[in-house]
Amino acid sequence: MGGSRSTIVRSDSEAFCTKHDFGWRAKSAGVVTGPLSEGSLNLREGCERAASVAAGAFKFTVTSPYMLARTLLDCHYNDFEALKMAIAEVLAALVAGRDKFLGLSS
């Protein structure tokens, strides 16, 4: 996503561990550094690739904003609810045209 980086340095890992209380993830998946946007996230490509190999109708899942927010070190919003909503807005915009991705009509 735009507004984040995936390069995680030692200080990021330390900050992530102090902000989160779960042991199943010792390192952040990314660091939010500014307002989130689509960036290079391309759900359309993934959906089209899945459609090309599916033998019929299929389900395309998207990780929830809650779970995504839990894996990120937030250095911009500094508020879990605001981070979740920003992620939700980006994902909603990307999946809003899912029928158009597949050439289907509503």
PDB file of N, CA and C in Angstrom:
ATOM      1  N   MET A   1       0.834  -1.181   0.000  1.00  0.00           N
ATOM      2  CA  MET A   1       0.000   0.000   0.000  1.00  0.00           C
ATOM      3  C   MET A   1       0.877   1.242   0.000  1.00  0.00           C
ATOM      4  N   GLY A   2       0.414   2.255  -0.674  1.00  0.00           N
ATOM      5  CA  GLY A   2       1.093   3.533  -0.608  1.00  0.00           C
ATOM      6  C   GLY A   2       0.995   4.085   0.801  1.00  0.00           C
ATOM      7  N   GLY A   3       2.006   4.785   1.241  1.00  0.00           N
ATOM      8  CA  GLY A   3       2.028   5.317   2.604  1.00  0.00           C
ATOM      9  C   GLY A   3       2.652   4.361   3.593  1.00  0.00           C
ATOM     10  N   SER A   4       3.232   3.262   3.068  1.00  0.00           N
ATOM     11  CA  SER A   4       3.898   2.298   3.934  1.00  0.00           C
ATOM     12  C   SER A   4       5.175   1.815   3.259  1.00  0.00           C
ATOM     13  N   ARG A   5       6.018   1.201   4.062  1.00  0.00           N
ATOM     14  CA  ARG A   5       7.226   0.595   3.516  1.00  0.00           C
ATOM     15  C   ARG A   5       7.365  -0.812   4.083  1.00  0.00           C
ATOM     16  N   SER A   6       7.981  -1.682   3.301  1.00  0.00           N
ATOM     17  CA  SER A   6       8.144  -3.071   3.735  1.00  0.00           C
ATOM     18  C   SER A   6       9.541  -3.370   4.259  1.00  0.00           C
ATOM     19  N   THR A   7      10.460  -2.425   4.127  1.00  0.00           N
ATOM     20  CA  THR A   7      11.788  -2.615   4.690  1.00  0.00           C
ATOM     21  C   THR A   7      11.696  -2.373   6.194  1.00  0.00           C
ATOM     22  N   ILE A   8      12.033  -3.405   6.949  1.00  0.00           N
ATOM     23  CA  ILE A   8      11.920  -3.341   8.406  1.00  0.00           C
ATOM     24  C   ILE A   8      13.325  -3.327   8.998  1.00  0.00           C
ATOM     25  N   VAL A   9      13.650  -2.284   9.720  1.00  0.00           N
ATOM     26  CA  VAL A   9      14.956  -2.200  10.375  1.00  0.00           C
ATOM     27  C   VAL A   9      14.816  -2.600  11.844  1.00  0.00           C
ATOM     28  N   ARG A  10      15.947  -2.781  12.516  1.00  0.00           N
ATOM     29  CA  ARG A  10      15.941  -3.249  13.900  1.00  0.00           C
ATOM     30  C   ARG A  10      15.067  -2.384  14.791  1.00  0.00           C
ATOM     31  N   SER A  11      15.164  -1.070  14.652  1.00  0.00           N
ATOM     32  CA  SER A  11      14.370  -0.184  15.521  1.00  0.00           C
ATOM     33  C   SER A  11      12.865  -0.352  15.263  1.00  0.00           C
ATOM     34  N   ASP A  12      12.488  -0.671  14.022  1.00  0.00           N
ATOM     35  CA  ASP A  12      11.079  -0.941  13.722  1.00  0.00           C
ATOM     36  C   ASP A  12      10.613  -2.188  14.464  1.00  0.00           C
ATOM     37  N   SER A  13      11.431  -3.230  14.426  1.00  0.00           N
ATOM     38  CA  SER A  13      11.075  -4.479  15.111  1.00  0.00           C
ATOM     39  C   SER A  13      10.938  -4.260  16.608  1.00  0.00           C
ATOM     40  N   GLU A  14      11.849  -3.484  17.177  1.00  0.00           N
ATOM     41  CA  GLU A  14      11.775  -3.197  18.610  1.00  0.00           C
ATOM     42  C   GLU A  14      10.515  -2.411  18.949  1.00  0.00           C
ATOM     43  N   ALA A  15      10.198  -1.407  18.136  1.00  0.00           N
ATOM     44  CA  ALA A  15       8.992  -0.606  18.374  1.00  0.00           C
ATOM     45  C   ALA A  15       7.741  -1.464  18.221  1.00  0.00           C
ATOM     46  N   PHE A  16       7.728  -2.338  17.234  1.00  0.00           N
ATOM     47  CA  PHE A  16       6.576  -3.216  17.003  1.00  0.00           C
ATOM     48  C   PHE A  16       6.350  -4.115  18.215  1.00  0.00           C
ATOM     49  N   CYS A  17       7.421  -4.681  18.750  1.00  0.00           N
ATOM     50  CA  CYS A  17       7.293  -5.580  19.902  1.00  0.00           C
ATOM     51  C   CYS A  17       6.800  -4.857  21.148  1.00  0.00           C
ATOM     52  N   THR A  18       7.122  -3.590  21.298  1.00  0.00           N
ATOM     53  CA  THR A  18       6.655  -2.860  22.475  1.00  0.00           C
ATOM     54  C   THR A  18       5.199  -2.431  22.342  1.00  0.00           C
ATOM     55  N   LYS A  19       4.705  -2.305  21.102  1.00  0.00           N
ATOM     56  CA  LYS A  19       3.333  -1.859  20.881  1.00  0.00           C
ATOM     57  C   LYS A  19       2.335  -3.006  20.807  1.00  0.00           C
ATOM     58  N   HIS A  20       2.807  -4.203  20.540  1.00  0.00           N
ATOM     59  CA  HIS A  20       1.908  -5.334  20.359  1.00  0.00           C
ATOM     60  C   HIS A  20       2.208  -6.413  21.387  1.00  0.00           C
ATOM     61  N   ASP A  21       1.159  -7.039  21.870  1.00  0.00           N
ATOM     62  CA  ASP A  21       1.310  -8.011  22.943  1.00  0.00           C
ATOM     63  C   ASP A  21       1.086  -9.448  22.485  1.00  0.00           C
ATOM     64  N   PHE A  22       1.391  -9.753  21.248  1.00  0.00           N
ATOM     65  CA  PHE A  22       1.242 -11.134  20.824  1.00  0.00           C
ATOM     66  C   PHE A  22       2.599 -11.690  20.413  1.00  0.00           C
ATOM     67  N   GLY A  23       2.803 -12.966  20.711  1.00  0.00           N
ATOM     68  CA  GLY A  23       4.088 -13.584  20.457  1.00  0.00           C
ATOM     69  C   GLY A  23       4.196 -14.278  19.113  1.00  0.00           C
ATOM     70  N   TRP A  24       3.108 -14.386  18.389  1.00  0.00           N
ATOM     71  CA  TRP A  24       3.161 -15.117  17.119  1.00  0.00           C
ATOM     72  C   TRP A  24       3.802 -14.316  16.005  1.00  0.00           C
ATOM     73  N   ARG A  25       4.033 -13.041  16.219  1.00  0.00           N
ATOM     74  CA  ARG A  25       4.691 -12.221  15.197  1.00  0.00           C
ATOM     75  C   ARG A  25       5.712 -11.315  15.881  1.00  0.00           C
ATOM     76  N   ALA A  26       6.988 -11.551  15.583  1.00  0.00           N
ATOM     77  CA  ALA A  26       8.046 -10.766  16.215  1.00  0.00           C
ATOM     78  C   ALA A  26       8.445  -9.562  15.376  1.00  0.00           C
ATOM     79  N   LYS A  27       7.991  -9.516  14.142  1.00  0.00           N
ATOM     80  CA  LYS A  27       8.401  -8.448  13.235  1.00  0.00           C
ATOM     81  C   LYS A  27       7.183  -7.947  12.470  1.00  0.00           C
ATOM     82  N   SER A  28       7.132  -6.652  12.289  1.00  0.00           N
ATOM     83  CA  SER A  28       6.040  -6.029  11.552  1.00  0.00           C
ATOM     84  C   SER A  28       6.073  -6.439  10.082  1.00  0.00           C
ATOM     85  N   ALA A  29       4.902  -6.513   9.459  1.00  0.00           N
ATOM     86  CA  ALA A  29       4.822  -6.788   8.023  1.00  0.00           C
ATOM     87  C   ALA A  29       5.160  -5.544   7.222  1.00  0.00           C
ATOM     88  N   GLY A  30       5.042  -4.384   7.848  1.00  0.00           N
ATOM     89  CA  GLY A  30       5.324  -3.120   7.180  1.00  0.00           C
ATOM     90  C   GLY A  30       5.223  -1.989   8.178  1.00  0.00           C
ATOM     91  N   VAL A  31       5.649  -0.817   7.727  1.00  0.00           N
ATOM     92  CA  VAL A  31       5.614   0.370   8.573  1.00  0.00           C
ATOM     93  C   VAL A  31       4.787   1.440   7.864  1.00  0.00           C
ATOM     94  N   VAL A  32       3.746   1.899   8.528  1.00  0.00           N
ATOM     95  CA  VAL A  32       2.904   2.960   7.975  1.00  0.00           C
ATOM     96  C   VAL A  32       3.603   4.286   8.249  1.00  0.00           C
ATOM     97  N   THR A  33       3.944   4.993   7.164  1.00  0.00           N
ATOM     98  CA  THR A  33       4.714   6.224   7.280  1.00  0.00           C
ATOM     99  C   THR A  33       3.941   7.470   6.842  1.00  0.00           C
ATOM    100  N   GLY A  34       2.775   7.275   6.237  1.00  0.00           N
ATOM    101  CA  GLY A  34       1.977   8.394   5.756  1.00  0.00           C
ATOM    102  C   GLY A  34       0.567   7.928   5.479  1.00  0.00           C
ATOM    103  N   PRO A  35      -0.260   8.799   4.920  1.00  0.00           N
ATOM    104  CA  PRO A  35      -1.639   8.403   4.603  1.00  0.00           C
ATOM    105  C   PRO A  35      -1.644   7.197   3.654  1.00  0.00           C
ATOM    106  N   LEU A  36      -2.435   6.195   3.978  1.00  0.00           N
ATOM    107  CA  LEU A  36      -2.475   4.992   3.152  1.00  0.00           C
ATOM    108  C   LEU A  36      -3.230   5.242   1.853  1.00  0.00           C
ATOM    109  N   SER A  37      -2.749   4.597   0.801  1.00  0.00           N
ATOM    110  CA  SER A  37      -3.389   4.663  -0.512  1.00  0.00           C
ATOM    111  C   SER A  37      -3.171   3.325  -1.206  1.00  0.00           C
ATOM    112  N   GLU A  38      -3.738   3.196  -2.384  1.00  0.00           N
ATOM    113  CA  GLU A  38      -3.611   1.953  -3.142  1.00  0.00           C
ATOM    114  C   GLU A  38      -2.147   1.607  -3.406  1.00  0.00           C
ATOM    115  N   GLY A  39      -1.347   2.570  -3.754  1.00  0.00           N
ATOM    116  CA  GLY A  39       0.053   2.303  -4.054  1.00  0.00           C
ATOM    117  C   GLY A  39       0.177   1.249  -5.142  1.00  0.00           C
ATOM    118  N   SER A  40       1.011   0.266  -4.928  1.00  0.00           N
ATOM    119  CA  SER A  40       1.196  -0.795  -5.923  1.00  0.00           C
ATOM    120  C   SER A  40       0.346  -2.026  -5.629  1.00  0.00           C
ATOM    121  N   LEU A  41      -0.525  -1.947  -4.636  1.00  0.00           N
ATOM    122  CA  LEU A  41      -1.411  -3.060  -4.322  1.00  0.00           C
ATOM    123  C   LEU A  41      -2.346  -3.283  -5.502  1.00  0.00           C
ATOM    124  N   ASN A  42      -2.375  -4.496  -6.028  1.00  0.00           N
ATOM    125  CA  ASN A  42      -3.137  -4.765  -7.237  1.00  0.00           C
ATOM    126  C   ASN A  42      -4.044  -5.979  -7.044  1.00  0.00           C
ATOM    127  N   LEU A  43      -5.167  -5.771  -6.379  1.00  0.00           N
ATOM    128  CA  LEU A  43      -6.109  -6.871  -6.178  1.00  0.00           C
ATOM    129  C   LEU A  43      -6.733  -7.326  -7.494  1.00  0.00           C
ATOM    130  N   ARG A  44      -6.860  -6.420  -8.428  1.00  0.00           N
ATOM    131  CA  ARG A  44      -7.435  -6.766  -9.734  1.00  0.00           C
ATOM    132  C   ARG A  44      -6.619  -7.874 -10.402  1.00  0.00           C
ATOM    133  N   GLU A  45      -5.306  -7.729 -10.394  1.00  0.00           N
ATOM    134  CA  GLU A  45      -4.438  -8.732 -11.024  1.00  0.00           C
ATOM    135  C   GLU A  45      -4.617 -10.099 -10.361  1.00  0.00           C
ATOM    136  N   GLY A  46      -4.651 -10.120  -9.044  1.00  0.00           N
ATOM    137  CA  GLY A  46      -4.844 -11.381  -8.328  1.00  0.00           C
ATOM    138  C   GLY A  46      -6.191 -12.014  -8.635  1.00  0.00           C
ATOM    139  N   CYS A  47      -7.215 -11.185  -8.680  1.00  0.00           N
ATOM    140  CA  CYS A  47      -8.559 -11.686  -8.978  1.00  0.00           C
ATOM    141  C   CYS A  47      -8.636 -12.207 -10.411  1.00  0.00           C
ATOM    142  N   GLU A  48      -8.050 -11.501 -11.348  1.00  0.00           N
ATOM    143  CA  GLU A  48      -8.053 -11.949 -12.739  1.00  0.00           C
ATOM    144  C   GLU A  48      -7.276 -13.251 -12.901  1.00  0.00           C
ATOM    145  N   ARG A  49      -6.153 -13.374 -12.194  1.00  0.00           N
ATOM    146  CA  ARG A  49      -5.362 -14.600 -12.259  1.00  0.00           C
ATOM    147  C   ARG A  49      -6.168 -15.774 -11.704  1.00  0.00           C
ATOM    148  N   ALA A  50      -6.854 -15.568 -10.586  1.00  0.00           N
ATOM    149  CA  ALA A  50      -7.688 -16.625 -10.008  1.00  0.00           C
ATOM    150  C   ALA A  50      -8.822 -17.000 -10.961  1.00  0.00           C
ATOM    151  N   ALA A  51      -9.445 -16.003 -11.591  1.00  0.00           N
ATOM    152  CA  ALA A  51     -10.541 -16.273 -12.526  1.00  0.00           C
ATOM    153  C   ALA A  51     -10.058 -17.075 -13.729  1.00  0.00           C
ATOM    154  N   SER A  52      -8.829 -16.856 -14.153  1.00  0.00           N
ATOM    155  CA  SER A  52      -8.320 -17.542 -15.345  1.00  0.00           C
ATOM    156  C   SER A  52      -8.096 -19.038 -15.119  1.00  0.00           C
ATOM    157  N   VAL A  53      -7.947 -19.453 -13.878  1.00  0.00           N
ATOM    158  CA  VAL A  53      -7.726 -20.873 -13.604  1.00  0.00           C
ATOM    159  C   VAL A  53      -8.921 -21.547 -12.924  1.00  0.00           C
ATOM    160  N   ALA A  54      -9.917 -20.762 -12.550  1.00  0.00           N
ATOM    161  CA  ALA A  54     -11.103 -21.325 -11.894  1.00  0.00           C
ATOM    162  C   ALA A  54     -11.973 -22.033 -12.919  1.00  0.00           C
ATOM    163  N   ALA A  55     -12.570 -23.113 -12.499  1.00  0.00           N
ATOM    164  CA  ALA A  55     -13.447 -23.875 -13.387  1.00  0.00           C
ATOM    165  C   ALA A  55     -14.877 -23.347 -13.339  1.00  0.00           C
ATOM    166  N   GLY A  56     -15.091 -22.260 -12.670  1.00  0.00           N
ATOM    167  CA  GLY A  56     -16.425 -21.662 -12.529  1.00  0.00           C
ATOM    168  C   GLY A  56     -16.355 -20.549 -11.511  1.00  0.00           C
ATOM    169  N   ALA A  57     -17.457 -20.350 -10.830  1.00  0.00           N
ATOM    170  CA  ALA A  57     -17.501 -19.309  -9.805  1.00  0.00           C
ATOM    171  C   ALA A  57     -16.473 -19.617  -8.713  1.00  0.00           C
ATOM    172  N   PHE A  58     -15.928 -18.570  -8.126  1.00  0.00           N
ATOM    173  CA  PHE A  58     -14.950 -18.750  -7.065  1.00  0.00           C
ATOM    174  C   PHE A  58     -15.067 -17.611  -6.074  1.00  0.00           C
ATOM    175  N   LYS A  59     -14.491 -17.830  -4.912  1.00  0.00           N
ATOM    176  CA  LYS A  59     -14.458 -16.788  -3.888  1.00  0.00           C
ATOM    177  C   LYS A  59     -13.049 -16.230  -3.836  1.00  0.00           C
ATOM    178  N   PHE A  60     -12.962 -14.935  -3.696  1.00  0.00           N
ATOM    179  CA  PHE A  60     -11.681 -14.250  -3.598  1.00  0.00           C
ATOM    180  C   PHE A  60     -11.677 -13.551  -2.249  1.00  0.00           C
ATOM    181  N   THR A  61     -10.835 -13.995  -1.345  1.00  0.00           N
ATOM    182  CA  THR A  61     -10.848 -13.428  -0.002  1.00  0.00           C
ATOM    183  C   THR A  61      -9.828 -12.305   0.133  1.00  0.00           C
ATOM    184  N   VAL A  62     -10.134 -11.399   1.028  1.00  0.00           N
ATOM    185  CA  VAL A  62      -9.255 -10.280   1.333  1.00  0.00           C
ATOM    186  C   VAL A  62      -9.084 -10.264   2.855  1.00  0.00           C
ATOM    187  N   THR A  63      -7.857 -10.184   3.302  1.00  0.00           N
ATOM    188  CA  THR A  63      -7.598 -10.123   4.739  1.00  0.00           C
ATOM    189  C   THR A  63      -8.285  -8.889   5.324  1.00  0.00           C
ATOM    190  N   SER A  64      -8.852  -9.045   6.510  1.00  0.00           N
ATOM    191  CA  SER A  64      -9.611  -7.949   7.124  1.00  0.00           C
ATOM    192  C   SER A  64      -8.712  -6.773   7.509  1.00  0.00           C
ATOM    193  N   PRO A  65      -9.274  -5.575   7.490  1.00  0.00           N
ATOM    194  CA  PRO A  65      -8.518  -4.406   7.938  1.00  0.00           C
ATOM    195  C   PRO A  65      -8.004  -4.563   9.367  1.00  0.00           C
ATOM    196  N   TYR A  66      -8.780  -5.216  10.220  1.00  0.00           N
ATOM    197  CA  TYR A  66      -8.356  -5.438  11.603  1.00  0.00           C
ATOM    198  C   TYR A  66      -7.064  -6.246  11.640  1.00  0.00           C
ATOM    199  N   MET A  67      -7.039  -7.371  10.929  1.00  0.00           N
ATOM    200  CA  MET A  67      -5.864  -8.236  10.954  1.00  0.00           C
ATOM    201  C   MET A  67      -4.664  -7.549  10.296  1.00  0.00           C
ATOM    202  N   LEU A  68      -4.896  -6.857   9.200  1.00  0.00           N
ATOM    203  CA  LEU A  68      -3.797  -6.133   8.560  1.00  0.00           C
ATOM    204  C   LEU A  68      -3.226  -5.080   9.504  1.00  0.00           C
ATOM    205  N   ALA A  69      -4.100  -4.346  10.176  1.00  0.00           N
ATOM    206  CA  ALA A  69      -3.644  -3.313  11.100  1.00  0.00           C
ATOM    207  C   ALA A  69      -2.814  -3.900  12.240  1.00  0.00           C
ATOM    208  N   ARG A  70      -3.170  -5.098  12.681  1.00  0.00           N
ATOM    209  CA  ARG A  70      -2.442  -5.751  13.774  1.00  0.00           C
ATOM    210  C   ARG A  70      -1.021  -6.135  13.381  1.00  0.00           C
ATOM    211  N   THR A  71      -0.755  -6.256  12.085  1.00  0.00           N
ATOM    212  CA  THR A  71       0.575  -6.683  11.647  1.00  0.00           C
ATOM    213  C   THR A  71       1.478  -5.515  11.249  1.00  0.00           C
ATOM    214  N   LEU A  72       0.963  -4.296  11.329  1.00  0.00           N
ATOM    215  CA  LEU A  72       1.720  -3.127  10.894  1.00  0.00           C
ATOM    216  C   LEU A  72       2.214  -2.296  12.073  1.00  0.00           C
ATOM    217  N   LEU A  73       3.364  -1.681  11.891  1.00  0.00           N
ATOM    218  CA  LEU A  73       3.837  -0.682  12.837  1.00  0.00           C
ATOM    219  C   LEU A  73       3.323   0.662  12.340  1.00  0.00           C
ATOM    220  N   ASP A  74       2.481   1.295  13.107  1.00  0.00           N
ATOM    221  CA  ASP A  74       1.845   2.546  12.700  1.00  0.00           C
ATOM    222  C   ASP A  74       2.632   3.742  13.215  1.00  0.00           C
ATOM    223  N   CYS A  75       3.328   4.398  12.306  1.00  0.00           N
ATOM    224  CA  CYS A  75       4.091   5.603  12.658  1.00  0.00           C
ATOM    225  C   CYS A  75       3.440   6.855  12.069  1.00  0.00           C
ATOM    226  N   HIS A  76       2.204   6.720  11.632  1.00  0.00           N
ATOM    227  CA  HIS A  76       1.518   7.880  11.049  1.00  0.00           C
ATOM    228  C   HIS A  76       0.216   8.203  11.782  1.00  0.00           C
ATOM    229  N   TYR A  77      -0.718   7.278  11.812  1.00  0.00           N
ATOM    230  CA  TYR A  77      -2.036   7.548  12.400  1.00  0.00           C
ATOM    231  C   TYR A  77      -1.979   7.587  13.929  1.00  0.00           C
ATOM    232  N   ASN A  78      -1.138   6.733  14.497  1.00  0.00           N
ATOM    233  CA  ASN A  78      -0.994   6.636  15.953  1.00  0.00           C
ATOM    234  C   ASN A  78      -2.318   6.389  16.656  1.00  0.00           C
ATOM    235  N   ASP A  79      -3.205   5.698  15.971  1.00  0.00           N
ATOM    236  CA  ASP A  79      -4.515   5.363  16.519  1.00  0.00           C
ATOM    237  C   ASP A  79      -5.000   4.116  15.783  1.00  0.00           C
ATOM    238  N   PHE A  80      -5.213   3.034  16.501  1.00  0.00           N
ATOM    239  CA  PHE A  80      -5.564   1.765  15.879  1.00  0.00           C
ATOM    240  C   PHE A  80      -6.853   1.859  15.058  1.00  0.00           C
ATOM    241  N   GLU A  81      -7.854   2.538  15.579  1.00  0.00           N
ATOM    242  CA  GLU A  81      -9.128   2.675  14.861  1.00  0.00           C
ATOM    243  C   GLU A  81      -8.946   3.460  13.560  1.00  0.00           C
ATOM    244  N   ALA A  82      -8.167   4.527  13.605  1.00  0.00           N
ATOM    245  CA  ALA A  82      -7.916   5.322  12.401  1.00  0.00           C
ATOM    246  C   ALA A  82      -7.146   4.505  11.364  1.00  0.00           C
ATOM    247  N   LEU A  83      -6.174   3.718  11.829  1.00  0.00           N
ATOM    248  CA  LEU A  83      -5.419   2.851  10.925  1.00  0.00           C
ATOM    249  C   LEU A  83      -6.338   1.823  10.279  1.00  0.00           C
ATOM    250  N   LYS A  84      -7.182   1.178  11.079  1.00  0.00           N
ATOM    251  CA  LYS A  84      -8.132   0.191  10.532  1.00  0.00           C
ATOM    252  C   LYS A  84      -9.038   0.820   9.482  1.00  0.00           C
ATOM    253  N   MET A  85      -9.548   1.992   9.759  1.00  0.00           N
ATOM    254  CA  MET A  85     -10.451   2.652   8.811  1.00  0.00           C
ATOM    255  C   MET A  85      -9.729   3.051   7.531  1.00  0.00           C
ATOM    256  N   ALA A  86      -8.491   3.493   7.645  1.00  0.00           N
ATOM    257  CA  ALA A  86      -7.719   3.845   6.449  1.00  0.00           C
ATOM    258  C   ALA A  86      -7.493   2.612   5.577  1.00  0.00           C
ATOM    259  N   ILE A  87      -7.155   1.497   6.209  1.00  0.00           N
ATOM    260  CA  ILE A  87      -6.982   0.241   5.460  1.00  0.00           C
ATOM    261  C   ILE A  87      -8.303  -0.168   4.831  1.00  0.00           C
ATOM    262  N   ALA A  88      -9.387  -0.067   5.595  1.00  0.00           N
ATOM    263  CA  ALA A  88     -10.710  -0.444   5.085  1.00  0.00           C
ATOM    264  C   ALA A  88     -11.095   0.390   3.869  1.00  0.00           C
ATOM    265  N   GLU A  89     -10.803   1.675   3.904  1.00  0.00           N
ATOM    266  CA  GLU A  89     -11.138   2.547   2.770  1.00  0.00           C
ATOM    267  C   GLU A  89     -10.368   2.158   1.519  1.00  0.00           C
ATOM    268  N   VAL A  90      -9.084   1.844   1.670  1.00  0.00           N
ATOM    269  CA  VAL A  90      -8.281   1.426   0.519  1.00  0.00           C
ATOM    270  C   VAL A  90      -8.820   0.115  -0.049  1.00  0.00           C
ATOM    271  N   LEU A  91      -9.058  -0.868   0.825  1.00  0.00           N
ATOM    272  CA  LEU A  91      -9.551  -2.165   0.361  1.00  0.00           C
ATOM    273  C   LEU A  91     -10.937  -2.038  -0.269  1.00  0.00           C
ATOM    274  N   ALA A  92     -11.801  -1.238   0.332  1.00  0.00           N
ATOM    275  CA  ALA A  92     -13.146  -1.065  -0.219  1.00  0.00           C
ATOM    276  C   ALA A  92     -13.091  -0.474  -1.617  1.00  0.00           C
ATOM    277  N   ALA A  93     -12.219   0.493  -1.820  1.00  0.00           N
ATOM    278  CA  ALA A  93     -12.095   1.097  -3.149  1.00  0.00           C
ATOM    279  C   ALA A  93     -11.587   0.081  -4.165  1.00  0.00           C
ATOM    280  N   LEU A  94     -10.679  -0.787  -3.735  1.00  0.00           N
ATOM    281  CA  LEU A  94     -10.121  -1.783  -4.655  1.00  0.00           C
ATOM    282  C   LEU A  94     -11.110  -2.879  -5.021  1.00  0.00           C
ATOM    283  N   VAL A  95     -11.943  -3.283  -4.072  1.00  0.00           N
ATOM    284  CA  VAL A  95     -12.861  -4.394  -4.363  1.00  0.00           C
ATOM    285  C   VAL A  95     -14.233  -3.917  -4.842  1.00  0.00           C
ATOM    286  N   ALA A  96     -14.482  -2.633  -4.798  1.00  0.00           N
ATOM    287  CA  ALA A  96     -15.796  -2.118  -5.207  1.00  0.00           C
ATOM    288  C   ALA A  96     -16.151  -2.525  -6.627  1.00  0.00           C
ATOM    289  N   GLY A  97     -15.191  -2.596  -7.501  1.00  0.00           N
ATOM    290  CA  GLY A  97     -15.444  -2.958  -8.889  1.00  0.00           C
ATOM    291  C   GLY A  97     -15.111  -4.401  -9.199  1.00  0.00           C
ATOM    292  N   ARG A  98     -15.211  -5.305  -8.214  1.00  0.00           N
ATOM    293  CA  ARG A  98     -14.810  -6.700  -8.431  1.00  0.00           C
ATOM    294  C   ARG A  98     -15.551  -7.347  -9.589  1.00  0.00           C
ATOM    295  N   ASP A  99     -16.831  -7.014  -9.827  1.00  0.00           N
ATOM    296  CA  ASP A  99     -17.551  -7.580 -10.964  1.00  0.00           C
ATOM    297  C   ASP A  99     -16.959  -7.079 -12.274  1.00  0.00           C
ATOM    298  N   LYS A 100     -16.529  -5.824 -12.273  1.00  0.00           N
ATOM    299  CA  LYS A 100     -15.889  -5.279 -13.475  1.00  0.00           C
ATOM    300  C   LYS A 100     -14.574  -5.983 -13.758  1.00  0.00           C
ATOM    301  N   PHE A 101     -13.877  -6.433 -12.672  1.00  0.00           N
ATOM    302  CA  PHE A 101     -12.601  -7.132 -12.866  1.00  0.00           C
ATOM    303  C   PHE A 101     -12.811  -8.372 -13.724  1.00  0.00           C
ATOM    304  N   LEU A 102     -13.945  -9.024 -13.535  1.00  0.00           N
ATOM    305  CA  LEU A 102     -14.208 -10.294 -14.191  1.00  0.00           C
ATOM    306  C   LEU A 102     -15.055 -10.143 -15.445  1.00  0.00           C
ATOM    307  N   GLY A 103     -15.440  -8.937 -15.783  1.00  0.00           N
ATOM    308  CA  GLY A 103     -16.281  -8.722 -16.958  1.00  0.00           C
ATOM    309  C   GLY A 103     -17.716  -9.150 -16.734  1.00  0.00           C
ATOM    310  N   LEU A 104     -18.150  -9.180 -15.477  1.00  0.00           N
ATOM    311  CA  LEU A 104     -19.516  -9.582 -15.153  1.00  0.00           C
ATOM    312  C   LEU A 104     -20.392  -8.357 -15.009  1.00  0.00           C
ATOM    313  N   SER A 105     -21.666  -8.549 -15.200  1.00  0.00           N
ATOM    314  CA  SER A 105     -22.591  -7.462 -14.933  1.00  0.00           C
ATOM    315  C   SER A 105     -23.304  -7.742 -13.633  1.00  0.00           C
ATOM    316  N   SER A 106     -23.743  -6.702 -12.967  1.00  0.00           N
ATOM    317  CA  SER A 106     -24.426  -6.876 -11.669  1.00  0.00           C
ATOM    318  C   SER A 106     -25.842  -7.334 -11.866  1.00  0.00           C
TER     319      SER A 106
END
